[in-house]
Amino acid sequence: MSVLGERQWRFLFCVASRVVPETRDLGEVERAAFRAIVEEALGERPASLQRQFRLFLGVVRWLPALRYLAPLDRLNDARQDAVLTALQDFPVALVRKGFWGLKSLVFMGFYGRNEAGDRIGYRPSARGNEKLRTAS
């Protein structure tokens, strides 16, 4: 069972397109890989944290309606960026932490795909941290 519903996934991709603009260019297979990475990360968390994340997505979506009379995903790009910047720097620590958690999931979903590593030149060693231990 999916942690997020289809509407929540569409909204998450909307936020992702503002956080990592390259997500707009993902094809169907790449979006599925992004989704699988995020789904696995959320699925490993306790049910209470999953509920909090779903609630936070709702807050992020509807909070702008207090000012702009529309949810985040119906605002133009400039207003979406303004709202997301405000959330990133929000005076209440809990909101900032939630937003940085959301951004971390977006980064994980985008950069955690094998294709993204190839694209940015990330070539992890099969030996992992063994190189670090022998270098000292």
Protein backbone atom coordinates (compact mmCIF):
# COMPACT_ATOMS: atom_id res chain seq x y z
CA MET A 1 0.00 0.00 0.00
CA SER A 2 1.28 3.45 -0.93
CA VAL A 3 2.04 5.96 1.80
CA LEU A 4 0.75 8.81 -0.38
CA GLY A 5 -2.39 8.99 -2.48
CA GLU A 6 -2.33 10.02 -6.14
CA ARG A 7 -3.31 13.62 -5.36
CA GLN A 8 -0.49 13.85 -2.82
CA TRP A 9 1.99 12.43 -5.35
CA ARG A 10 0.92 15.02 -7.93
CA PHE A 11 1.41 17.74 -5.34
CA LEU A 12 4.79 16.36 -4.28
CA PHE A 13 5.91 16.48 -7.93
CA CYS A 14 4.68 20.08 -8.09
CA VAL A 15 6.87 20.98 -5.11
CA ALA A 16 9.74 18.93 -6.56
CA SER A 17 9.58 20.94 -9.79
CA ARG A 18 10.25 24.11 -7.78
CA VAL A 19 12.97 22.56 -5.57
CA VAL A 20 14.78 20.67 -8.36
CA PRO A 21 13.55 22.13 -11.67
CA GLU A 22 15.00 19.18 -13.61
CA THR A 23 12.21 16.99 -12.22
CA ARG A 24 9.94 18.56 -14.85
CA ASP A 25 11.96 16.72 -17.51
CA LEU A 26 11.61 13.26 -15.96
CA GLY A 27 9.99 10.67 -18.17
CA GLU A 28 7.51 8.11 -16.95
CA VAL A 29 10.19 5.55 -16.00
CA GLU A 30 12.29 8.18 -14.20
CA ARG A 31 9.26 9.50 -12.31
CA ALA A 32 8.48 5.93 -11.25
CA ALA A 33 12.06 5.54 -9.96
CA PHE A 34 11.76 8.86 -8.08
CA ARG A 35 8.47 7.73 -6.60
CA ALA A 36 9.86 4.30 -5.60
CA ILE A 37 12.78 5.91 -3.75
CA VAL A 38 10.54 8.32 -1.84
CA GLU A 39 7.94 5.61 -1.20
CA GLU A 40 10.59 3.31 0.26
CA ALA A 41 11.98 6.07 2.48
CA LEU A 42 8.53 6.98 3.78
CA GLY A 43 7.50 3.34 4.11
CA GLU A 44 10.39 2.70 6.49
CA ARG A 45 9.11 5.38 8.87
CA PRO A 46 6.58 4.79 11.66
CA ALA A 47 2.91 5.20 10.75
CA SER A 48 2.72 8.31 12.97
CA LEU A 49 5.48 10.03 10.98
CA GLN A 50 3.80 9.04 7.71
CA ARG A 51 0.58 10.70 8.93
CA GLN A 52 2.53 13.81 9.95
CA PHE A 53 4.12 13.98 6.50
CA ARG A 54 0.75 13.69 4.75
CA LEU A 55 -0.63 16.40 7.03
CA PHE A 56 2.37 18.63 6.35
CA LEU A 57 1.87 18.22 2.58
CA GLY A 58 -1.70 19.44 3.07
CA VAL A 59 -0.50 22.43 5.07
CA VAL A 60 2.08 23.32 2.41
CA ARG A 61 -0.60 23.05 -0.27
CA TRP A 62 -3.29 25.10 1.45
CA LEU A 63 -1.35 27.64 3.57
CA PRO A 64 -0.90 29.99 0.58
CA ALA A 65 -4.69 30.19 0.24
CA LEU A 66 -4.71 32.47 3.28
CA ARG A 67 -2.81 35.09 1.28
CA TYR A 68 -3.40 34.26 -2.39
CA LEU A 69 -6.86 32.60 -2.19
CA ALA A 70 -5.50 29.55 -4.02
CA PRO A 71 -3.51 26.46 -3.07
CA LEU A 72 0.20 26.34 -3.87
CA ASP A 73 -0.18 24.18 -6.96
CA ARG A 74 -2.51 26.75 -8.55
CA LEU A 75 -0.15 29.70 -8.10
CA ASN A 76 2.26 30.98 -10.71
CA ASP A 77 5.94 30.05 -10.45
CA ALA A 78 7.01 33.30 -8.76
CA ARG A 79 4.39 32.98 -6.02
CA GLN A 80 5.18 29.29 -5.53
CA ASP A 81 8.85 30.18 -5.07
CA ALA A 82 7.95 32.96 -2.63
CA VAL A 83 5.82 30.59 -0.55
CA LEU A 84 8.46 27.85 -0.51
CA THR A 85 11.17 30.34 0.45
CA ALA A 86 8.97 31.60 3.29
CA LEU A 87 8.46 28.03 4.52
CA GLN A 88 12.19 27.34 4.35
CA ASP A 89 12.85 30.41 6.55
CA PHE A 90 9.67 30.20 8.64
CA PRO A 91 9.98 31.56 12.19
CA VAL A 92 8.49 28.38 13.71
CA ALA A 93 11.18 25.68 13.88
CA LEU A 94 8.71 22.82 13.40
CA VAL A 95 7.62 24.22 10.03
CA ARG A 96 11.25 24.74 8.93
CA LYS A 97 12.12 21.17 9.94
CA GLY A 98 9.12 19.79 8.09
CA PHE A 99 10.00 21.74 4.98
CA TRP A 100 13.64 20.62 5.07
CA GLY A 101 12.41 17.04 5.46
CA LEU A 102 10.21 17.53 2.39
CA LYS A 103 13.14 18.98 0.44
CA SER A 104 15.37 16.10 1.54
CA LEU A 105 12.87 13.58 0.17
CA VAL A 106 12.76 15.48 -3.13
CA PHE A 107 16.57 15.50 -3.33
CA MET A 108 16.66 11.80 -2.44
CA GLY A 109 14.08 10.95 -5.09
CA PHE A 110 15.82 12.91 -7.81
CA TYR A 111 19.50 12.35 -7.06
CA GLY A 112 19.04 8.82 -5.73
CA ARG A 113 18.21 7.49 -9.18
CA ASN A 114 21.09 5.75 -10.97
CA GLU A 115 20.64 8.00 -14.01
CA ALA A 116 21.07 11.14 -11.91
CA GLY A 117 24.36 9.87 -10.47
CA ASP A 118 25.64 9.21 -13.97
CA ARG A 119 24.49 12.64 -15.14
CA ILE A 120 26.31 14.53 -12.38
CA GLY A 121 29.41 12.32 -12.50
CA TYR A 122 28.84 10.49 -9.22
CA ARG A 123 30.79 7.25 -9.31
CA PRO A 124 30.75 5.58 -5.89
CA SER A 125 33.47 3.09 -5.14
CA ALA A 126 32.42 -0.53 -4.81
CA ARG A 127 34.78 -0.62 -1.83
CA GLY A 128 32.83 2.10 -0.03
CA ASN A 129 34.55 3.72 2.93
CA GLU A 130 37.41 1.24 2.78
CA LYS A 131 39.35 3.84 0.75
CA LEU A 132 38.90 6.40 3.52
CA ARG A 133 40.22 4.07 6.21
CA THR A 134 43.33 3.12 4.22
CA ALA A 135 44.11 6.74 3.24
CA SER A 136 44.88 7.87 6.79
